[in-house]
Structures are given as C-alpha cells and as structure tokens.
Amino acid sequence: MGSLFEELEAREDAARVRVEELEGELALVSEQLGQAREGLERLRVTRETVAEVMAEMAVGADAEPEAETPEGGQVSSPYAGAERRVVGVLAVPKWQPGMDAKVLPRVYQDILEVVADAPGPVRAKQIVPRIGLPAQVGKIEGTRSKLKRLVERGWLDEDEPGLFTPARGRAETSSNSG
C-alpha cells in the first residue's frame, strides 16, 4: 500500500504545481485585461470628447463672422476647415445643391435611404430596425440624435416633432438632376 500513497502524493504535488502555474498565468492575463480595459475606456472618452468639440466647432464656425485683416482681406475662423484636418472624425456637412449623400458617414446614408423610401413621415423607432439595429431605447435615441443632426444640416425636414421626411429643397434639386 505504501507505493499507492506515494503515487497519490506525487500526483497531488504535480497538480498543486500546475494550479500554481495557472494562477500565475491568470494573474498576468488579468493584469493585461485591466490595462486593455483602461486603454479602451480612454479611447471611448477621447472619441466622445472629440465629437463634442467638433460639434461645438461646427456651431461656432457657423455663428462666428469672418474678421477683416488690416489690409481689408477676410480671415476665416480659426476653426475653419478643422473637420477636414482631424483624422478619423466623420462630420455631417451642411447640405448644398448638388451634394450627394455619399459625403455622409454610412449610417447617415442608410437613414436618408430609409426616410426617402418611406411612404410618409417616419419616426426614429421605425428607422432603427430598417438600418439593422436592435430596437433598444439607446439605439432609438442615438438614431433620433442623428435625425435631428440631419435636419439641422438641411438633409431632412421635421415638420412635426419626431416625424422626419426628406428635405423639400433637397428632394426638388435631386429629382431634377436624376
């Protein structure tokens, strides 16, 4: 019987060593996971902050008049063209005659397409499933925000609160260019 107990003790020792090795690996992976989560959170906050700054700059650039130089020339706002210099940020430009929806980020193009294909005014909660998002409150609110931005920039109209239609001026010019 002595050899059986010795064998069991040896196996127990080997199992203990393996558990300690795995616990060491787990601690290392947990530390790496924590660092990766911190990096992810920093990137999320940075993206949100940049989006807020860009939105403020867009509003500020629209409202700020151009200053005159001593020579009488025009100097544009220090923020003019900032959305073109910032890498990785997709802005929604103001609609102008001849401008195609392809200048917009893909999700905004999808929203415009759904609104254009609808038989009448549509609500955000009707658009969300048609652009491939789950019908969750957060997704609906995010889409509503995008719809409001499209209205603000002349791509859509909102005749009644929460009811969105293609912008009349945009529809008139795009039907003539078809």
C-alpha atoms as a PDB file:
ATOM      1  CA  MET A   1       0.000   0.000   0.000  1.00  0.00           C
ATOM      2  CA  GLY A   2       2.934   2.321   0.527  1.00  0.00           C
ATOM      3  CA  SER A   3       3.565   2.770  -3.152  1.00  0.00           C
ATOM      4  CA  LEU A   4      -0.074   3.721  -3.840  1.00  0.00           C
ATOM      5  CA  PHE A   5       0.077   6.537  -1.265  1.00  0.00           C
ATOM      6  CA  GLU A   6       3.415   7.681  -2.643  1.00  0.00           C
ATOM      7  CA  GLU A   7       1.953   7.747  -6.148  1.00  0.00           C
ATOM      8  CA  LEU A   8      -1.082   9.758  -4.948  1.00  0.00           C
ATOM      9  CA  GLU A   9       1.206  12.231  -3.128  1.00  0.00           C
ATOM     10  CA  ALA A  10       3.308  12.641  -6.270  1.00  0.00           C
ATOM     11  CA  ARG A  11       0.222  13.281  -8.379  1.00  0.00           C
ATOM     12  CA  GLU A  12      -1.107  15.718  -5.777  1.00  0.00           C
ATOM     13  CA  ASP A  13       2.224  17.596  -5.807  1.00  0.00           C
ATOM     14  CA  ALA A  14       2.159  17.743  -9.631  1.00  0.00           C
ATOM     15  CA  ALA A  15      -1.443  19.009  -9.577  1.00  0.00           C
ATOM     16  CA  ARG A  16      -0.518  21.666  -6.975  1.00  0.00           C
ATOM     17  CA  VAL A  17       2.401  22.851  -9.145  1.00  0.00           C
ATOM     18  CA  ARG A  18       0.092  23.051 -12.194  1.00  0.00           C
ATOM     19  CA  VAL A  19      -2.530  25.023 -10.221  1.00  0.00           C
ATOM     20  CA  GLU A  20       0.151  27.480  -9.074  1.00  0.00           C
ATOM     21  CA  GLU A  21       1.391  27.876 -12.665  1.00  0.00           C
ATOM     22  CA  LEU A  22      -2.140  28.531 -13.918  1.00  0.00           C
ATOM     23  CA  GLU A  23      -2.831  31.001 -11.108  1.00  0.00           C
ATOM     24  CA  GLY A  24       0.343  32.876 -12.109  1.00  0.00           C
ATOM     25  CA  GLU A  25      -0.803  32.952 -15.733  1.00  0.00           C
ATOM     26  CA  LEU A  26      -4.270  34.076 -14.644  1.00  0.00           C
ATOM     27  CA  ALA A  27      -2.795  36.952 -12.641  1.00  0.00           C
ATOM     28  CA  LEU A  28      -0.764  38.036 -15.667  1.00  0.00           C
ATOM     29  CA  VAL A  29      -3.738  37.809 -18.034  1.00  0.00           C
ATOM     30  CA  SER A  30      -5.933  39.668 -15.509  1.00  0.00           C
ATOM     31  CA  GLU A  31      -3.388  42.469 -15.355  1.00  0.00           C
ATOM     32  CA  GLN A  32      -3.251  42.642 -19.166  1.00  0.00           C
ATOM     33  CA  LEU A  33      -7.053  42.643 -19.318  1.00  0.00           C
ATOM     34  CA  GLY A  34      -7.184  45.547 -16.852  1.00  0.00           C
ATOM     35  CA  GLN A  35      -4.702  47.516 -18.935  1.00  0.00           C
ATOM     36  CA  ALA A  36      -6.631  46.799 -22.122  1.00  0.00           C
ATOM     37  CA  ARG A  37      -9.887  47.926 -20.460  1.00  0.00           C
ATOM     38  CA  GLU A  38      -8.221  51.160 -19.332  1.00  0.00           C
ATOM     39  CA  GLY A  39      -6.996  51.791 -22.881  1.00  0.00           C
ATOM     40  CA  LEU A  40     -10.454  51.088 -24.273  1.00  0.00           C
ATOM     41  CA  GLU A  41     -12.068  53.489 -21.804  1.00  0.00           C
ATOM     42  CA  ARG A  42      -9.527  56.220 -22.633  1.00  0.00           C
ATOM     43  CA  LEU A  43     -10.271  55.802 -26.343  1.00  0.00           C
ATOM     44  CA  ARG A  44     -14.039  55.928 -25.737  1.00  0.00           C
ATOM     45  CA  VAL A  45     -13.745  59.119 -23.676  1.00  0.00           C
ATOM     46  CA  THR A  46     -11.408  60.654 -26.258  1.00  0.00           C
ATOM     47  CA  ARG A  47     -13.808  59.841 -29.104  1.00  0.00           C
ATOM     48  CA  GLU A  48     -16.747  61.342 -27.208  1.00  0.00           C
ATOM     49  CA  THR A  49     -14.747  64.440 -26.297  1.00  0.00           C
ATOM     50  CA  VAL A  50     -13.604  64.948 -29.893  1.00  0.00           C
ATOM     51  CA  ALA A  51     -17.190  64.539 -31.107  1.00  0.00           C
ATOM     52  CA  GLU A  52     -18.355  67.189 -28.613  1.00  0.00           C
ATOM     53  CA  VAL A  53     -15.549  69.581 -29.602  1.00  0.00           C
ATOM     54  CA  MET A  54     -16.294  69.058 -33.292  1.00  0.00           C
ATOM     55  CA  ALA A  55     -19.997  69.741 -32.711  1.00  0.00           C
ATOM     56  CA  GLU A  56     -19.152  72.920 -30.787  1.00  0.00           C
ATOM     57  CA  MET A  57     -16.716  73.972 -33.504  1.00  0.00           C
ATOM     58  CA  ALA A  58     -19.334  73.422 -36.191  1.00  0.00           C
ATOM     59  CA  VAL A  59     -21.831  75.574 -34.301  1.00  0.00           C
ATOM     60  CA  GLY A  60     -19.159  78.171 -33.525  1.00  0.00           C
ATOM     61  CA  ALA A  61     -17.930  78.279 -37.114  1.00  0.00           C
ATOM     62  CA  ASP A  62     -21.489  78.840 -38.349  1.00  0.00           C
ATOM     63  CA  ALA A  63     -22.087  81.658 -35.874  1.00  0.00           C
ATOM     64  CA  GLU A  64     -18.696  83.432 -35.999  1.00  0.00           C
ATOM     65  CA  PRO A  65     -18.382  86.170 -38.612  1.00  0.00           C
ATOM     66  CA  GLU A  66     -15.176  86.400 -40.560  1.00  0.00           C
ATOM     67  CA  ALA A  67     -12.770  89.025 -39.275  1.00  0.00           C
ATOM     68  CA  GLU A  68     -11.088  91.598 -41.505  1.00  0.00           C
ATOM     69  CA  THR A  69      -7.325  91.982 -41.758  1.00  0.00           C
ATOM     70  CA  PRO A  70      -5.745  95.438 -41.690  1.00  0.00           C
ATOM     71  CA  GLU A  71      -5.370  95.128 -45.491  1.00  0.00           C
ATOM     72  CA  GLY A  72      -9.139  94.645 -45.805  1.00  0.00           C
ATOM     73  CA  GLY A  73      -8.987  90.908 -46.642  1.00  0.00           C
ATOM     74  CA  GLN A  74     -11.108  88.279 -44.966  1.00  0.00           C
ATOM     75  CA  VAL A  75      -9.684  85.946 -42.315  1.00  0.00           C
ATOM     76  CA  SER A  76     -11.758  82.873 -41.687  1.00  0.00           C
ATOM     77  CA  SER A  77     -12.460  81.493 -38.251  1.00  0.00           C
ATOM     78  CA  PRO A  78      -9.502  79.688 -36.633  1.00  0.00           C
ATOM     79  CA  TYR A  79     -11.729  76.607 -36.695  1.00  0.00           C
ATOM     80  CA  ALA A  80     -12.497  76.837 -40.411  1.00  0.00           C
ATOM     81  CA  GLY A  81     -11.823  73.509 -42.071  1.00  0.00           C
ATOM     82  CA  ALA A  82     -10.993  71.819 -38.768  1.00  0.00           C
ATOM     83  CA  GLU A  83     -13.249  68.896 -39.617  1.00  0.00           C
ATOM     84  CA  ARG A  84     -11.027  68.219 -42.647  1.00  0.00           C
ATOM     85  CA  ARG A  85      -7.807  68.302 -40.602  1.00  0.00           C
ATOM     86  CA  VAL A  86      -8.972  65.953 -37.847  1.00  0.00           C
ATOM     87  CA  VAL A  87      -8.227  62.369 -38.813  1.00  0.00           C
ATOM     88  CA  GLY A  88     -10.874  59.739 -38.147  1.00  0.00           C
ATOM     89  CA  VAL A  89     -13.781  62.078 -37.362  1.00  0.00           C
ATOM     90  CA  LEU A  90     -16.715  61.959 -39.748  1.00  0.00           C
ATOM     91  CA  ALA A  91     -18.786  65.119 -39.741  1.00  0.00           C
ATOM     92  CA  VAL A  92     -22.191  65.726 -41.274  1.00  0.00           C
ATOM     93  CA  PRO A  93     -21.740  68.692 -43.603  1.00  0.00           C
ATOM     94  CA  LYS A  94     -24.499  71.164 -44.360  1.00  0.00           C
ATOM     95  CA  TRP A  95     -26.385  70.111 -47.456  1.00  0.00           C
ATOM     96  CA  GLN A  96     -25.785  72.220 -50.549  1.00  0.00           C
ATOM     97  CA  PRO A  97     -27.284  71.887 -54.039  1.00  0.00           C
ATOM     98  CA  GLY A  98     -25.507  69.181 -55.978  1.00  0.00           C
ATOM     99  CA  MET A  99     -24.196  67.494 -52.832  1.00  0.00           C
ATOM    100  CA  ASP A 100     -24.643  63.730 -52.832  1.00  0.00           C
ATOM    101  CA  ALA A 101     -25.403  61.648 -49.721  1.00  0.00           C
ATOM    102  CA  LYS A 102     -22.127  59.786 -50.353  1.00  0.00           C
ATOM    103  CA  VAL A 103     -20.324  62.559 -48.455  1.00  0.00           C
ATOM    104  CA  LEU A 104     -22.047  61.319 -45.287  1.00  0.00           C
ATOM    105  CA  PRO A 105     -20.970  58.503 -42.984  1.00  0.00           C
ATOM    106  CA  ARG A 106     -22.586  55.177 -43.956  1.00  0.00           C
ATOM    107  CA  VAL A 107     -25.143  55.162 -41.115  1.00  0.00           C
ATOM    108  CA  TYR A 108     -26.408  58.605 -42.165  1.00  0.00           C
ATOM    109  CA  GLN A 109     -26.692  57.409 -45.774  1.00  0.00           C
ATOM    110  CA  ASP A 110     -28.738  54.439 -44.542  1.00  0.00           C
ATOM    111  CA  ILE A 111     -31.019  56.737 -42.540  1.00  0.00           C
ATOM    112  CA  LEU A 112     -31.583  59.013 -45.548  1.00  0.00           C
ATOM    113  CA  GLU A 113     -32.386  55.996 -47.711  1.00  0.00           C
ATOM    114  CA  VAL A 114     -34.975  54.675 -45.227  1.00  0.00           C
ATOM    115  CA  VAL A 115     -36.613  58.107 -44.928  1.00  0.00           C
ATOM    116  CA  ALA A 116     -36.656  58.540 -48.719  1.00  0.00           C
ATOM    117  CA  ASP A 117     -38.209  55.083 -49.251  1.00  0.00           C
ATOM    118  CA  ALA A 118     -40.929  55.597 -46.622  1.00  0.00           C
ATOM    119  CA  PRO A 119     -44.442  56.419 -47.886  1.00  0.00           C
ATOM    120  CA  GLY A 120     -44.726  59.257 -45.362  1.00  0.00           C
ATOM    121  CA  PRO A 121     -43.062  60.790 -42.305  1.00  0.00           C
ATOM    122  CA  VAL A 122     -41.161  58.308 -40.135  1.00  0.00           C
ATOM    123  CA  ARG A 123     -40.109  58.142 -36.500  1.00  0.00           C
ATOM    124  CA  ALA A 124     -36.728  57.097 -35.152  1.00  0.00           C
ATOM    125  CA  LYS A 125     -38.155  53.860 -33.740  1.00  0.00           C
ATOM    126  CA  GLN A 126     -39.326  52.896 -37.254  1.00  0.00           C
ATOM    127  CA  ILE A 127     -35.910  53.580 -38.768  1.00  0.00           C
ATOM    128  CA  VAL A 128     -33.788  51.664 -36.241  1.00  0.00           C
ATOM    129  CA  PRO A 129     -34.734  48.119 -37.340  1.00  0.00           C
ATOM    130  CA  ARG A 130     -34.510  49.105 -41.005  1.00  0.00           C
ATOM    131  CA  ILE A 131     -30.866  50.137 -40.620  1.00  0.00           C
ATOM    132  CA  GLY A 132     -30.009  46.889 -38.878  1.00  0.00           C
ATOM    133  CA  LEU A 133     -30.015  47.975 -35.235  1.00  0.00           C
ATOM    134  CA  PRO A 134     -31.871  46.337 -32.360  1.00  0.00           C
ATOM    135  CA  ALA A 135     -34.989  48.234 -31.275  1.00  0.00           C
ATOM    136  CA  GLN A 136     -33.491  49.317 -27.944  1.00  0.00           C
ATOM    137  CA  VAL A 137     -34.009  52.680 -26.279  1.00  0.00           C
ATOM    138  CA  GLY A 138     -30.330  53.623 -26.638  1.00  0.00           C
ATOM    139  CA  LYS A 139     -30.277  52.817 -30.350  1.00  0.00           C
ATOM    140  CA  ILE A 140     -33.528  54.723 -30.919  1.00  0.00           C
ATOM    141  CA  GLU A 141     -32.217  57.775 -29.055  1.00  0.00           C
ATOM    142  CA  GLY A 142     -28.915  57.646 -30.957  1.00  0.00           C
ATOM    143  CA  THR A 143     -30.802  57.466 -34.244  1.00  0.00           C
ATOM    144  CA  ARG A 144     -33.083  60.329 -33.169  1.00  0.00           C
ATOM    145  CA  SER A 145     -29.965  62.393 -32.485  1.00  0.00           C
ATOM    146  CA  LYS A 146     -28.658  61.597 -35.975  1.00  0.00           C
ATOM    147  CA  LEU A 147     -32.041  62.513 -37.480  1.00  0.00           C
ATOM    148  CA  LYS A 148     -32.002  65.869 -35.652  1.00  0.00           C
ATOM    149  CA  ARG A 149     -28.466  66.500 -36.926  1.00  0.00           C
ATOM    150  CA  LEU A 150     -29.603  65.736 -40.486  1.00  0.00           C
ATOM    151  CA  VAL A 151     -32.485  68.202 -40.045  1.00  0.00           C
ATOM    152  CA  GLU A 152     -30.143  70.838 -38.619  1.00  0.00           C
ATOM    153  CA  ARG A 153     -27.778  70.427 -41.581  1.00  0.00           C
ATOM    154  CA  GLY A 154     -30.532  70.538 -44.235  1.00  0.00           C
ATOM    155  CA  TRP A 155     -30.650  66.873 -45.259  1.00  0.00           C
ATOM    156  CA  LEU A 156     -34.101  66.152 -43.729  1.00  0.00           C
ATOM    157  CA  ASP A 157     -37.198  68.050 -42.578  1.00  0.00           C
ATOM    158  CA  GLU A 158     -39.073  67.652 -39.299  1.00  0.00           C
ATOM    159  CA  ASP A 159     -42.468  69.300 -39.800  1.00  0.00           C
ATOM    160  CA  GLU A 160     -43.908  67.790 -36.628  1.00  0.00           C
ATOM    161  CA  PRO A 161     -41.839  66.805 -33.587  1.00  0.00           C
ATOM    162  CA  GLY A 162     -40.394  63.339 -34.120  1.00  0.00           C
ATOM    163  CA  LEU A 163     -41.677  62.929 -37.699  1.00  0.00           C
ATOM    164  CA  PHE A 164     -38.948  63.063 -40.339  1.00  0.00           C
ATOM    165  CA  THR A 165     -39.236  63.475 -44.111  1.00  0.00           C
ATOM    166  CA  PRO A 166     -36.779  64.149 -46.939  1.00  0.00           C
ATOM    167  CA  ALA A 167     -35.843  67.835 -47.064  1.00  0.00           C
ATOM    168  CA  ARG A 168     -38.105  69.572 -49.576  1.00  0.00           C
ATOM    169  CA  GLY A 169     -35.302  71.668 -51.071  1.00  0.00           C
ATOM    170  CA  ARG A 170     -33.060  68.631 -51.398  1.00  0.00           C
ATOM    171  CA  ALA A 171     -35.789  66.487 -52.952  1.00  0.00           C
ATOM    172  CA  GLU A 172     -36.590  69.183 -55.526  1.00  0.00           C
ATOM    173  CA  THR A 173     -32.983  69.529 -56.715  1.00  0.00           C
ATOM    174  CA  SER A 174     -32.186  65.819 -56.641  1.00  0.00           C
ATOM    175  CA  SER A 175     -35.257  64.956 -58.753  1.00  0.00           C
ATOM    176  CA  ASN A 176     -34.120  67.448 -61.399  1.00  0.00           C
ATOM    177  CA  SER A 177     -30.609  66.004 -61.529  1.00  0.00           C
ATOM    178  CA  GLY A 178     -31.793  62.347 -61.811  1.00  0.00           C
END
